[in-house]
Protein backbone atom coordinates (compact mmCIF):
# COMPACT_ATOMS: atom_id res chain seq x y z
CA MET A 1 -25.74 -27.44 10.51
CA LYS A 2 -28.06 -25.19 12.53
CA THR A 3 -30.24 -22.82 10.53
CA GLU A 4 -32.19 -19.73 11.54
CA VAL A 5 -34.69 -17.51 9.75
CA MET A 6 -33.08 -14.21 8.82
CA THR A 7 -32.84 -11.74 5.96
CA GLY A 8 -29.93 -11.72 3.57
CA GLY A 9 -28.84 -8.43 5.13
CA GLN A 10 -28.81 -9.95 8.60
CA ALA A 11 -26.88 -12.95 7.27
CA MET A 12 -24.30 -10.62 5.75
CA ALA A 13 -23.77 -8.64 8.95
CA ARG A 14 -23.66 -11.66 11.24
CA GLN A 15 -21.28 -13.59 8.98
CA LEU A 16 -18.90 -10.62 8.86
CA VAL A 17 -18.84 -10.67 12.66
CA LEU A 18 -18.09 -14.41 12.67
CA GLU A 19 -15.18 -13.70 10.30
CA GLY A 20 -13.67 -11.39 12.92
CA ILE A 21 -14.31 -8.21 10.95
CA THR A 22 -14.85 -5.33 13.38
CA ASP A 23 -14.90 -2.34 11.01
CA LEU A 24 -16.74 -1.71 7.75
CA PHE A 25 -16.36 1.46 5.65
CA GLY A 26 -19.17 2.39 3.32
CA ILE A 27 -21.87 4.65 1.96
CA PRO A 28 -25.50 3.56 2.51
CA GLY A 29 -27.90 3.60 -0.41
CA VAL A 30 -31.23 2.24 -1.53
CA GLN A 31 -29.92 -1.10 -2.81
CA LEU A 32 -28.17 -1.59 0.54
CA ASP A 33 -31.06 -0.66 2.86
CA TRP A 34 -31.45 -4.19 4.18
CA ALA A 35 -27.69 -4.54 4.59
CA THR A 36 -27.41 -1.41 6.72
CA ASP A 37 -30.44 -2.53 8.72
CA GLY A 38 -28.65 -5.84 9.31
CA LEU A 39 -25.60 -3.93 10.55
CA HIS A 40 -27.80 -2.23 13.15
CA ASP A 41 -28.27 -5.60 14.87
CA VAL A 42 -24.51 -6.10 15.32
CA GLN A 43 -23.41 -2.53 15.97
CA ASP A 44 -21.84 -3.53 19.29
CA LYS A 45 -19.49 -5.88 17.41
CA LEU A 46 -19.07 -4.26 13.99
CA LYS A 47 -18.61 -0.51 13.52
CA PHE A 48 -19.99 1.00 10.31
CA TRP A 49 -17.91 4.03 9.30
CA VAL A 50 -19.63 6.38 6.84
CA PRO A 51 -17.26 8.76 4.97
CA ARG A 52 -18.27 11.26 2.29
CA HIS A 53 -17.42 9.31 -0.86
CA GLU A 54 -17.30 5.68 -2.02
CA GLN A 55 -13.71 6.23 -3.10
CA THR A 56 -12.90 7.12 0.49
CA ALA A 57 -14.62 3.95 1.71
CA SER A 58 -12.36 1.72 -0.39
CA TYR A 59 -9.25 3.78 0.40
CA MET A 60 -10.03 3.56 4.11
CA ALA A 61 -10.35 -0.21 3.82
CA ASP A 62 -6.97 -0.34 2.05
CA GLY A 63 -5.24 1.85 4.64
CA TYR A 64 -6.82 -0.17 7.44
CA ALA A 65 -5.59 -3.43 5.91
CA ARG A 66 -2.05 -2.42 4.98
CA SER A 67 -1.25 -0.73 8.26
CA SER A 68 -2.68 -3.49 10.46
CA GLY A 69 -2.38 -6.69 8.43
CA LYS A 70 -6.07 -7.36 9.10
CA ILE A 71 -8.84 -7.54 6.52
CA GLY A 72 -10.13 -4.14 5.45
CA ALA A 73 -13.81 -4.19 4.49
CA CYS A 74 -15.92 -1.72 2.52
CA MET A 75 -19.50 -1.62 1.21
CA VAL A 76 -20.88 0.42 -1.70
CA VAL A 77 -23.96 0.62 -3.89
CA PRO A 78 -23.82 -0.73 -7.46
CA GLY A 79 -22.99 1.21 -10.60
CA PRO A 80 -21.54 4.63 -9.78
CA GLY A 81 -20.86 3.61 -6.19
CA MET A 82 -18.79 0.63 -7.31
CA LEU A 83 -17.05 2.67 -9.99
CA ASN A 84 -16.12 5.32 -7.44
CA ALA A 85 -14.69 2.62 -5.17
CA MET A 86 -12.61 1.06 -7.92
CA ALA A 87 -9.74 3.54 -7.51
CA GLY A 88 -9.24 2.27 -3.97
CA LEU A 89 -9.63 -1.35 -5.04
CA ALA A 90 -7.10 -0.82 -7.84
CA THR A 91 -4.64 0.61 -5.33
CA ALA A 92 -5.24 -2.34 -3.01
CA TRP A 93 -4.65 -4.68 -5.96
CA ALA A 94 -1.30 -3.03 -6.70
CA CYS A 95 -0.23 -3.08 -3.04
CA ASN A 96 -1.05 -6.67 -1.97
CA SER A 97 -3.82 -5.45 0.30
CA PRO A 98 -6.43 -7.85 1.78
CA VAL A 99 -9.63 -5.89 1.12
CA LEU A 100 -13.14 -7.36 1.11
CA ALA A 101 -15.68 -5.35 -0.90
CA ILE A 102 -19.42 -5.86 -0.41
CA VAL A 103 -21.00 -4.46 -3.57
CA GLY A 104 -24.68 -3.89 -4.18
CA GLN A 105 -26.46 -4.94 -7.36
CA ILE A 106 -29.67 -4.24 -9.21
CA PRO A 107 -32.57 -6.71 -8.60
CA SER A 108 -31.61 -10.28 -9.52
CA ALA A 109 -34.22 -10.67 -12.26
CA ALA A 110 -32.96 -7.55 -14.03
CA ILE A 111 -29.24 -8.36 -14.11
CA GLY A 112 -27.98 -8.45 -17.70
CA LYS A 113 -31.33 -7.42 -19.18
CA GLY A 114 -30.52 -3.76 -19.88
CA TYR A 115 -33.78 -2.44 -18.38
CA GLY A 116 -32.15 0.79 -17.25
CA MET A 117 -32.56 0.11 -13.54
CA LEU A 118 -31.26 2.60 -11.00
CA HIS A 119 -27.44 2.38 -10.87
CA GLU A 120 -27.35 -0.28 -13.59
CA ILE A 121 -24.18 -0.55 -15.65
CA GLN A 122 -23.28 -3.07 -18.31
CA ASP A 123 -21.44 -6.17 -17.04
CA GLN A 124 -20.88 -4.91 -13.51
CA SER A 125 -19.50 -8.28 -12.39
CA GLN A 126 -16.97 -8.36 -15.20
CA THR A 127 -15.88 -4.82 -14.42
CA LEU A 128 -15.47 -5.65 -10.74
CA GLY A 129 -13.34 -8.63 -11.73
CA THR A 130 -10.64 -6.34 -13.13
CA VAL A 131 -9.65 -5.17 -9.62
CA THR A 132 -10.30 -8.34 -7.60
CA LYS A 133 -8.64 -11.75 -7.55
CA TRP A 134 -11.97 -13.45 -6.73
CA HIS A 135 -15.58 -12.28 -6.78
CA ALA A 136 -19.03 -13.86 -6.72
CA LEU A 137 -22.71 -12.96 -6.97
CA ALA A 138 -25.20 -14.11 -4.31
CA ARG A 139 -28.30 -15.77 -5.76
CA SER A 140 -30.13 -16.48 -2.50
CA PRO A 141 -29.97 -15.47 1.19
CA GLN A 142 -28.37 -18.87 1.88
CA ASP A 143 -25.53 -17.92 -0.50
CA VAL A 144 -24.56 -14.86 1.50
CA PRO A 145 -22.66 -16.48 4.41
CA LEU A 146 -21.19 -19.11 2.08
CA LEU A 147 -19.76 -16.48 -0.25
CA ILE A 148 -18.46 -14.24 2.54
CA ARG A 149 -16.78 -17.31 4.06
CA GLU A 150 -15.19 -18.15 0.71
CA ALA A 151 -14.12 -14.53 0.16
CA VAL A 152 -12.27 -14.48 3.47
CA LYS A 153 -10.72 -17.85 2.69
CA GLN A 154 -9.43 -16.38 -0.58
CA LEU A 155 -7.92 -13.45 1.33
CA HIS A 156 -5.99 -15.90 3.50
CA SER A 157 -4.58 -17.84 0.55
CA GLY A 158 -2.08 -17.02 -2.16
CA ARG A 159 -1.21 -13.44 -2.98
CA PRO A 160 -3.23 -10.99 -0.85
CA ARG A 161 -5.42 -8.94 -3.16
CA PRO A 162 -8.99 -7.60 -3.04
CA VAL A 163 -12.03 -9.87 -3.25
CA ALA A 164 -15.70 -8.96 -3.64
CA VAL A 165 -19.20 -10.28 -3.04
CA GLU A 166 -22.12 -8.75 -4.96
CA ILE A 167 -25.52 -8.96 -3.28
CA PRO A 168 -28.71 -7.84 -5.07
CA PRO A 169 -31.32 -5.93 -3.02
CA ASP A 170 -33.93 -8.69 -3.30
CA ILE A 171 -31.46 -11.15 -1.79
CA LEU A 172 -30.70 -8.75 1.06
CA SER A 173 -34.40 -8.25 1.85
CA ALA A 174 -35.55 -11.86 1.44
CA SER A 175 -36.02 -14.01 4.57
CA ALA A 176 -35.02 -17.67 4.61
CA GLU A 177 -33.61 -20.47 6.74
CA VAL A 178 -29.91 -19.57 6.67
CA ALA A 179 -26.91 -21.36 8.17
CA LEU A 180 -24.07 -19.15 9.38
CA LEU A 181 -20.53 -20.51 9.23
CA GLN A 182 -17.94 -20.41 11.98
CA ALA A 183 -14.56 -19.28 10.70
CA PRO A 184 -11.67 -21.64 11.56
CA GLU A 185 -9.34 -20.45 14.29
CA HIS A 186 -6.27 -20.58 12.02
CA GLU A 187 -6.82 -20.14 8.33
CA ASP A 188 -3.63 -18.95 6.62
CA ILE A 189 -3.50 -21.16 3.53
CA LYS A 190 -0.07 -20.13 2.34
CA MET A 191 1.91 -21.90 -0.34
CA ALA A 192 4.95 -23.74 1.04
CA PRO A 193 8.11 -23.90 -1.09
CA ASP A 194 9.39 -26.99 -2.85
CA SER A 195 12.19 -28.46 -0.72
CA GLY A 196 14.34 -29.31 -3.74
CA ALA A 197 14.07 -25.75 -5.07
CA ILE A 198 15.04 -24.39 -1.64
CA GLU A 199 18.15 -26.57 -1.61
CA SER A 200 19.08 -25.37 -5.10
CA ALA A 201 18.59 -21.75 -4.07
CA ALA A 202 20.69 -22.21 -0.95
CA LYS A 203 23.49 -23.79 -3.01
CA LEU A 204 23.49 -20.91 -5.51
CA LEU A 205 23.51 -18.26 -2.79
CA GLU A 206 26.17 -19.89 -0.64
CA GLY A 207 28.40 -20.33 -3.68
CA ALA A 208 28.03 -16.69 -4.71
CA ARG A 209 30.93 -14.27 -4.50
CA PHE A 210 28.62 -11.34 -3.76
CA PRO A 211 24.93 -12.21 -3.25
CA VAL A 212 22.35 -9.42 -3.02
CA ILE A 213 18.73 -9.60 -1.83
CA TYR A 214 16.00 -7.44 -3.35
CA ALA A 215 12.91 -7.23 -1.11
CA GLY A 216 9.60 -5.92 -2.45
CA GLY A 217 6.14 -5.18 -1.13
CA GLY A 218 5.19 -8.86 -1.11
CA THR A 219 7.80 -9.45 1.59
CA LEU A 220 6.14 -6.79 3.70
CA ALA A 221 2.64 -8.16 3.02
CA ALA A 222 3.81 -11.62 4.13
CA ASN A 223 5.09 -10.26 7.47
CA ALA A 224 8.47 -11.79 6.65
CA THR A 225 10.74 -9.36 8.51
CA ALA A 226 12.33 -11.87 10.88
CA GLU A 227 12.81 -14.47 8.15
CA LEU A 228 14.37 -11.93 5.76
CA GLU A 229 16.75 -10.67 8.42
CA ARG A 230 17.87 -14.23 9.24
CA VAL A 231 18.65 -15.03 5.58
CA ALA A 232 20.48 -11.72 5.10
CA ASP A 233 22.57 -12.25 8.23
CA LYS A 234 23.51 -15.80 7.25
CA LEU A 235 24.55 -14.72 3.76
CA GLN A 236 25.89 -11.31 4.82
CA ALA A 237 24.04 -10.10 1.73
CA PRO A 238 23.03 -6.45 1.32
CA VAL A 239 19.23 -6.08 1.27
CA VAL A 240 17.98 -3.54 -1.27
CA MET A 241 14.37 -2.64 -0.44
CA SER A 242 12.06 -1.47 -3.19
CA ASP A 243 10.16 1.74 -2.55
CA TYR A 244 7.13 -0.44 -1.74
CA GLY A 245 9.02 -2.91 0.44
CA ARG A 246 10.71 -0.35 2.63
CA GLY A 247 10.36 -0.93 6.35
CA VAL A 248 10.44 -4.72 6.03
CA LEU A 249 13.99 -4.40 7.38
CA SER A 250 14.90 -1.53 9.69
CA ASP A 251 17.09 1.12 8.09
CA ARG A 252 19.31 0.69 11.15
CA HIS A 253 20.16 -2.87 10.13
CA PRO A 254 23.79 -2.94 8.94
CA LEU A 255 22.84 -4.65 5.64
CA ALA A 256 19.81 -2.47 4.77
CA LEU A 257 19.89 -0.32 1.63
CA ASN A 258 17.37 1.80 -0.28
CA SER A 259 17.05 1.78 -4.07
CA LEU A 260 19.83 4.34 -4.45
CA GLY A 261 22.17 2.01 -2.58
CA GLY A 262 21.19 -0.64 -5.11
CA ARG A 263 23.19 1.25 -7.72
CA ALA A 264 26.35 0.49 -5.78
CA VAL A 265 25.73 -3.21 -5.17
CA PHE A 266 23.88 -4.55 -8.22
CA PRO A 267 26.72 -4.04 -10.73
CA HIS A 268 28.90 -6.34 -8.61
CA ALA A 269 26.33 -9.02 -7.70
CA ASP A 270 26.66 -12.49 -9.18
CA VAL A 271 23.50 -13.93 -7.57
CA VAL A 272 20.39 -11.88 -6.74
CA LEU A 273 17.48 -13.17 -4.65
CA VAL A 274 14.30 -11.27 -5.55
CA VAL A 275 11.62 -11.74 -2.86
CA GLY A 276 8.03 -10.52 -3.14
CA SER A 277 8.68 -8.15 -6.03
CA ARG A 278 7.89 -7.75 -9.72
CA PHE A 279 11.48 -6.43 -10.04
CA ALA A 280 10.37 -4.19 -12.88
CA ASP A 281 10.48 -0.51 -13.67
CA SER A 282 6.93 0.82 -13.19
CA GLY A 283 7.46 3.20 -16.11
CA ALA A 284 8.49 0.51 -18.61
CA PRO A 285 8.08 -3.28 -18.92
CA VAL A 286 11.75 -4.00 -18.25
CA PRO A 287 13.50 -5.51 -15.23
CA ALA A 288 14.63 -3.10 -12.56
CA TRP A 289 18.29 -3.88 -13.24
CA PRO A 290 20.24 -5.42 -16.14
CA GLN A 291 20.29 -9.21 -16.05
CA ASP A 292 23.54 -9.85 -17.91
CA LYS A 293 25.94 -12.23 -16.18
CA VAL A 294 23.79 -12.41 -13.05
CA LYS A 295 21.88 -15.42 -11.72
CA PHE A 296 18.44 -14.40 -10.50
CA ILE A 297 16.40 -16.39 -7.98
CA TYR A 298 12.75 -15.29 -7.76
CA MET A 299 10.62 -16.09 -4.72
CA ASN A 300 6.98 -15.08 -5.10
CA ALA A 301 3.46 -16.44 -4.68
CA ASP A 302 2.59 -15.10 -8.14
CA PRO A 303 4.44 -16.66 -11.12
CA ASN A 304 3.68 -13.56 -13.21
CA SER A 305 6.34 -11.83 -11.12
CA TRP A 306 9.14 -13.65 -12.93
CA ALA A 307 7.57 -13.85 -16.38
CA PRO A 308 9.41 -12.40 -19.41
CA PRO A 309 11.19 -10.11 -19.96
CA ARG A 310 12.71 -11.26 -16.65
CA LEU A 311 15.12 -14.17 -16.91
CA PRO A 312 15.12 -16.28 -13.73
CA THR A 313 17.80 -18.88 -13.15
CA LEU A 314 15.54 -20.39 -10.49
CA ALA A 315 11.95 -19.58 -9.49
CA LEU A 316 10.22 -20.56 -6.25
CA GLN A 317 6.44 -20.16 -6.16
CA CYS A 318 5.65 -19.83 -2.47
CA ASP A 319 4.68 -17.48 0.31
CA ALA A 320 7.60 -15.17 1.10
CA LYS A 321 7.51 -15.86 4.83
CA LEU A 322 7.47 -19.64 4.38
CA GLY A 323 10.06 -19.52 1.61
CA LEU A 324 12.50 -17.35 3.55
CA ALA A 325 12.03 -19.48 6.66
CA ALA A 326 12.90 -22.62 4.71
CA LEU A 327 15.83 -20.91 3.01
CA GLY A 328 17.14 -19.72 6.36
CA ASP A 329 17.06 -23.31 7.62
CA ALA A 330 18.96 -24.52 4.53
CA LEU A 331 21.77 -21.94 4.75
CA SER A 332 24.79 -22.74 6.85
CA GLY A 333 25.82 -19.15 7.60
CA GLY A 334 29.23 -18.19 8.92
CA LYS A 335 30.00 -15.65 6.17
CA SER A 336 32.37 -12.75 6.83
CA SER A 337 30.61 -9.51 7.77
CA ARG A 338 29.91 -7.03 4.99
CA ALA A 339 28.68 -4.32 7.38
CA ALA A 340 31.71 -2.10 6.69
CA GLU A 341 31.22 -2.26 2.91
CA VAL A 342 27.49 -1.53 3.20
CA LYS A 343 28.25 1.37 5.56
CA LYS A 344 30.38 2.98 2.82
CA VAL A 345 27.46 2.67 0.41
CA ARG A 346 25.09 4.26 2.92
CA GLU A 347 27.49 7.14 3.51
CA TRP A 348 27.65 7.72 -0.25
CA CYS A 349 23.83 7.69 -0.40
CA GLU A 350 23.61 10.26 2.39
CA VAL A 351 25.89 12.67 0.51
CA GLN A 352 23.68 12.43 -2.60
CA LEU A 353 20.45 12.77 -0.63
CA ARG A 354 21.50 15.93 1.19
CA GLU A 355 21.95 17.73 -2.12
CA VAL A 356 18.25 17.51 -3.05
CA GLN A 357 16.70 20.47 -1.26
CA PRO A 358 14.41 21.31 0.33
CA GLN A 359 13.09 17.73 0.15
CA TYR A 360 15.90 16.41 2.35
CA ASP A 361 15.18 18.95 5.09
CA TRP A 362 11.41 18.37 4.96
CA THR A 363 11.95 14.60 5.17
CA GLN A 364 14.31 14.93 8.12
CA SER A 365 11.81 17.16 9.92
CA LEU A 366 9.10 14.54 9.39
CA ARG A 367 11.39 11.84 10.76
CA ARG A 368 12.24 13.88 13.87
CA ALA A 369 8.58 14.42 14.73
CA ILE A 370 6.96 11.06 13.86
CA PRO A 371 7.51 8.31 16.47
CA GLU A 372 9.12 5.11 15.24
CA ASP A 373 5.76 3.32 15.32
CA GLY A 374 4.02 6.29 13.70
CA ILE A 375 2.74 5.89 10.14
CA LEU A 376 3.48 8.20 7.23
CA VAL A 377 1.00 8.04 4.35
CA GLN A 378 2.56 9.53 1.23
CA ASP A 379 0.82 10.93 -1.83
CA LEU A 380 2.33 11.96 -5.16
CA THR A 381 4.06 15.27 -4.53
CA GLN A 382 7.61 16.63 -4.75
CA VAL A 383 8.56 15.82 -1.15
CA CYS A 384 6.94 12.37 -1.29
CA TYR A 385 8.56 11.31 -4.55
CA TYR A 386 11.73 11.71 -2.53
CA SER A 387 10.56 10.47 0.87
CA ARG A 388 8.91 7.25 -0.32
CA ALA A 389 12.40 6.01 -1.25
CA PHE A 390 14.48 7.80 1.38
CA PHE A 391 12.39 8.53 4.50
CA PRO A 392 14.16 6.49 7.24
CA LEU A 393 11.97 3.59 8.39
CA TYR A 394 12.54 1.40 11.42
CA ARG A 395 9.41 -0.77 11.56
CA PRO A 396 7.23 -2.61 9.05
CA ARG A 397 3.94 -1.06 7.86
CA THR A 398 4.93 2.48 8.85
CA SER A 399 5.03 3.87 5.30
CA ILE A 400 1.96 3.66 3.06
CA THR A 401 2.21 4.56 -0.64
CA PRO A 402 -0.06 3.91 -3.65
CA GLY A 403 2.44 1.45 -5.12
CA HIS A 404 2.71 1.19 -8.88
CA GLN A 405 -0.94 2.27 -9.24
CA GLY A 406 0.13 5.85 -8.45
CA THR A 407 -3.38 6.98 -7.48
CA LEU A 408 -3.10 10.73 -6.99
CA GLY A 409 -5.24 11.94 -4.08
CA TYR A 410 -5.46 8.57 -2.33
CA SER A 411 -3.44 9.59 0.74
CA TYR A 412 -5.86 11.51 2.98
CA PRO A 413 -8.75 9.01 2.69
CA THR A 414 -6.27 6.15 3.13
CA ALA A 415 -4.77 7.81 6.20
CA LEU A 416 -8.23 7.93 7.78
CA GLY A 417 -8.44 4.15 7.44
CA VAL A 418 -4.93 3.85 8.90
CA ALA A 419 -6.03 5.89 11.92
CA ALA A 420 -9.19 3.81 12.34
CA ALA A 421 -7.06 0.65 12.49
CA ASN A 422 -4.41 2.10 14.79
CA PRO A 423 -5.98 4.20 17.57
CA GLY A 424 -3.37 5.99 19.64
CA ARG A 425 -0.63 5.83 16.99
CA ALA A 426 0.64 8.89 15.13
CA VAL A 427 -0.66 9.10 11.55
CA VAL A 428 0.70 11.79 9.24
CA CYS A 429 -0.54 12.28 5.68
CA ALA A 430 1.81 14.16 3.34
CA SER A 431 0.35 15.38 0.06
CA GLY A 432 0.45 18.20 -2.42
CA ASP A 433 -2.36 20.69 -2.78
CA GLY A 434 -3.45 18.92 -5.96
CA GLY A 435 -3.69 15.51 -4.34
CA PHE A 436 -5.27 16.78 -1.15
CA GLY A 437 -8.02 18.41 -3.22
CA TYR A 438 -9.35 14.97 -4.17
CA GLY A 439 -10.41 14.11 -0.63
CA LEU A 440 -10.76 17.38 1.27
CA ALA A 441 -14.50 16.75 1.86
CA ASP A 442 -13.43 13.96 4.20
CA LEU A 443 -12.14 16.49 6.69
CA ALA A 444 -15.75 15.99 7.80
CA THR A 445 -15.04 12.28 8.34
CA ALA A 446 -11.95 13.05 10.42
CA ALA A 447 -13.95 15.50 12.52
CA LYS A 448 -16.98 13.20 12.89
CA TYR A 449 -14.98 10.21 14.11
CA LYS A 450 -12.19 12.21 15.82
CA LEU A 451 -9.51 10.56 13.72
CA GLY A 452 -6.22 12.20 14.65
CA VAL A 453 -4.70 12.35 11.17
CA VAL A 454 -2.30 15.23 10.63
CA ALA A 455 -2.65 16.35 7.01
CA LEU A 456 0.52 18.11 5.83
CA VAL A 457 -0.29 19.84 2.53
CA PHE A 458 2.59 21.13 0.42
CA ASN A 459 0.89 24.07 -1.23
CA ASP A 460 2.41 25.63 -4.36
CA ARG A 461 -0.88 26.08 -6.27
CA ARG A 462 0.03 23.78 -9.12
CA PHE A 463 0.40 20.21 -10.30
CA THR A 464 4.15 20.60 -10.11
CA ASN A 465 5.26 17.24 -11.46
CA ILE A 466 3.02 17.63 -14.51
CA ARG A 467 4.51 21.06 -15.09
CA ASN A 468 8.07 19.76 -14.73
CA ALA A 469 7.47 16.81 -17.04
CA HIS A 470 5.88 19.02 -19.70
CA LYS A 471 8.73 21.49 -19.55
CA ALA A 472 11.30 18.71 -19.89
CA ALA A 473 9.46 17.11 -22.82
CA PHE A 474 8.06 20.11 -24.71
CA GLY A 475 9.86 23.19 -23.39
CA ARG A 476 6.52 24.51 -22.15
CA SER A 477 3.74 23.42 -19.83
CA THR A 478 -0.04 23.31 -19.97
CA ALA A 479 -2.92 22.76 -17.52
CA PHE A 480 -1.03 22.67 -14.23
CA GLU A 481 -2.29 25.74 -12.34
CA LEU A 482 -4.59 25.27 -9.33
CA THR A 483 -7.01 27.57 -7.52
CA ASN A 484 -7.06 26.50 -3.88
CA PRO A 485 -9.25 27.42 -0.95
CA ASP A 486 -7.81 29.13 2.10
CA PHE A 487 -6.85 25.89 3.84
CA GLY A 488 -6.93 27.50 7.27
CA LYS A 489 -10.50 28.69 6.83
CA LEU A 490 -11.45 25.36 5.30
CA ALA A 491 -10.13 23.46 8.31
CA ASP A 492 -11.91 25.86 10.66
CA ALA A 493 -15.16 25.23 8.83
CA PHE A 494 -14.85 21.52 9.60
CA GLY A 495 -13.73 22.07 13.18
CA VAL A 496 -10.21 20.81 12.38
CA ARG A 497 -7.17 22.45 13.95
CA THR A 498 -4.83 24.22 11.56
CA ALA A 499 -1.50 25.96 11.12
CA MET A 500 0.37 27.64 8.27
CA ILE A 501 4.11 27.09 7.88
CA LYS A 502 6.82 27.90 5.34
CA THR A 503 9.96 26.00 6.34
CA PRO A 504 11.07 22.67 7.77
CA ALA A 505 12.07 24.58 10.92
CA ASP A 506 8.42 25.67 11.23
CA LEU A 507 7.36 22.04 10.88
CA ASP A 508 9.72 21.10 13.71
CA LYS A 509 7.66 23.33 15.97
CA VAL A 510 4.15 22.51 14.77
CA LEU A 511 4.14 18.80 13.90
CA PRO A 512 5.04 17.45 17.38
CA GLU A 513 2.20 19.50 18.88
CA ALA A 514 -0.24 18.28 16.23
CA ILE A 515 0.70 14.63 16.75
CA ALA A 516 0.57 14.91 20.54
CA SER A 517 -2.94 16.39 20.44
CA GLY A 518 -4.44 13.21 19.00
CA GLU A 519 -6.83 15.42 17.00
CA PRO A 520 -7.24 15.97 13.27
CA TRP A 521 -5.01 18.76 11.95
CA LEU A 522 -4.38 20.46 8.62
CA ILE A 523 -0.93 22.04 8.18
CA ASP A 524 -0.70 24.34 5.16
CA ALA A 525 2.97 24.32 4.06
CA GLN A 526 3.52 27.23 1.67
CA VAL A 527 6.31 26.07 -0.64
CA GLY A 528 8.08 27.17 -3.81
CA GLU A 529 10.49 25.57 -6.27
CA MET A 530 12.12 22.31 -5.24
CA GLY A 531 15.17 20.46 -6.48
CA ASP A 532 14.81 17.62 -8.95
CA PRO A 533 14.98 14.22 -7.16
CA TRP A 534 14.47 11.93 -10.14
CA HIS A 535 18.13 11.20 -10.81
CA LEU A 536 18.18 9.58 -7.34
CA VAL A 537 14.67 8.15 -7.16
CA ARG A 538 14.89 5.91 -10.20
CA MET A 539 16.15 2.41 -9.55
CA ARG A 540 18.97 2.73 -12.02
CA PRO A 541 20.61 5.85 -13.46
CA GLY A 542 18.94 7.45 -16.40
CA PRO A 543 18.32 10.86 -17.96
CA PRO A 544 16.82 13.06 -15.23
CA MET A 545 13.49 14.73 -15.86
CA GLY A 546 14.77 18.18 -14.99
CA GLY A 547 18.49 18.11 -14.29
CA GLY A 548 20.49 16.66 -11.43
CA HIS A 549 23.32 14.18 -11.24
CA HIS A 550 24.99 11.91 -8.74
CA THR A 551 28.60 10.99 -8.13
CA ALA A 552 29.79 7.52 -9.04
CA PRO A 553 28.84 4.97 -6.38
CA PRO A 554 31.56 3.19 -4.41
CA ASN A 555 32.53 -0.39 -5.15
CA PRO A 556 31.30 -2.40 -2.14
CA LEU A 557 33.92 -5.06 -2.86
CA GLY A 558 36.69 -2.53 -2.30
CA GLU A 559 38.18 -3.16 -5.73
CA ALA A 560 39.37 -0.66 -8.31
């Protein structure tokens, strides 16, 4: 193996290039001086994006990864820098996102000694381990390429989740004979399914009276759209997509349903195939739907996804794409079409959805303006609680949410990473004024790098969901009011184009222009009270947070 004298920082930068990484998001700092100097040598191959906050760096890496399917990479200083980045890493963990974090450290000889070094925190490595599936600490310059190579290998195997490499400053600055490693041309190390388990699953599904498929975010992360569609078509099984799996099957597909449609089909299912999902209510540790008298087949790379209280009849530990491909081969097909029955369910859903205003009208306006390959990044706000489940999607990776992590304020920084990964595609970030406030300093990042993200801010000067929840629980509310800047003046100060609107009809006029410009925009949507969507958003019916009801769903089997 050929070696060459280089610093640890040069080894880091050059190994990242060999891994095919072309973009790195990060904040420079004293412990990373030799790393950023190493990046200077490869700046024609690897772009170093510098936002205004470490949290933004990790969010950008997550948005980059989830929208493109490529590795998203970020780099931060130790201690407070790493802690700031952990919100983005936690979101990436929740959303099956392949993110590589390069994290600085204090000098090697001081680690664990409690000397009070700059940026020192207790047990940094252990803390980092809570939001990564694999992490390691470099002990020498020779370690650096080896660990980066292993980190990337980990990202290509098993469940995609963040990984990290910590590199102390003395290792970055030290020079040594270092061997760089060439990444293999094809490296996906995905778990294939057991052939006997596939045959058992096929037998159960083909013998079912009314099979249903539930597709989660893991199906999307595995790029299993074609394989899922083939299995659904062979079984003529309705496909209920979780909020985080939406887009894996086009909403135009005759068997596609959202979570509301699940209410119509799950009570009649006798066999349910759960693919790439925890199949659990994020608000309580219970399965997403009652398990009585139903045979459940779980297909997931992570066995925790079918652990109690779930009750699987059959579990297949495998990559979703490989598992669905094998299942598709094992199924004979030839089932009678259920398109007419599913159409009735969709028509029922549409009637319910239209009643939640003005969220329905805002969502439809967004759909009219955003091209089919455009990407909507959704924060936690009244319109997005609704749209994350019901915004029509026609292509994979065109809706980005924070998953079950629910990280308020993630959307604008994440959208910047989406735009960096997808030049020329429309990127719209929808958030409330509360959430947008978390990352508004990164209007500077959008302006600096000319990232054409359109930020649509629903501005009602309050944390509305907190207010609504408090009123429902206590009959009063506390600590929800916000004091906002003049968003138009704020955008002007950053050199970002701006508009103020009040209605979905206004958005119909402004949003197409903003998208077509290819420039960063901030649209201040002045809004008031909105209808309660929670009786529709929840997977199964339950007491609404603030009123609302739905009519009884139709029986897809056409029986009384």
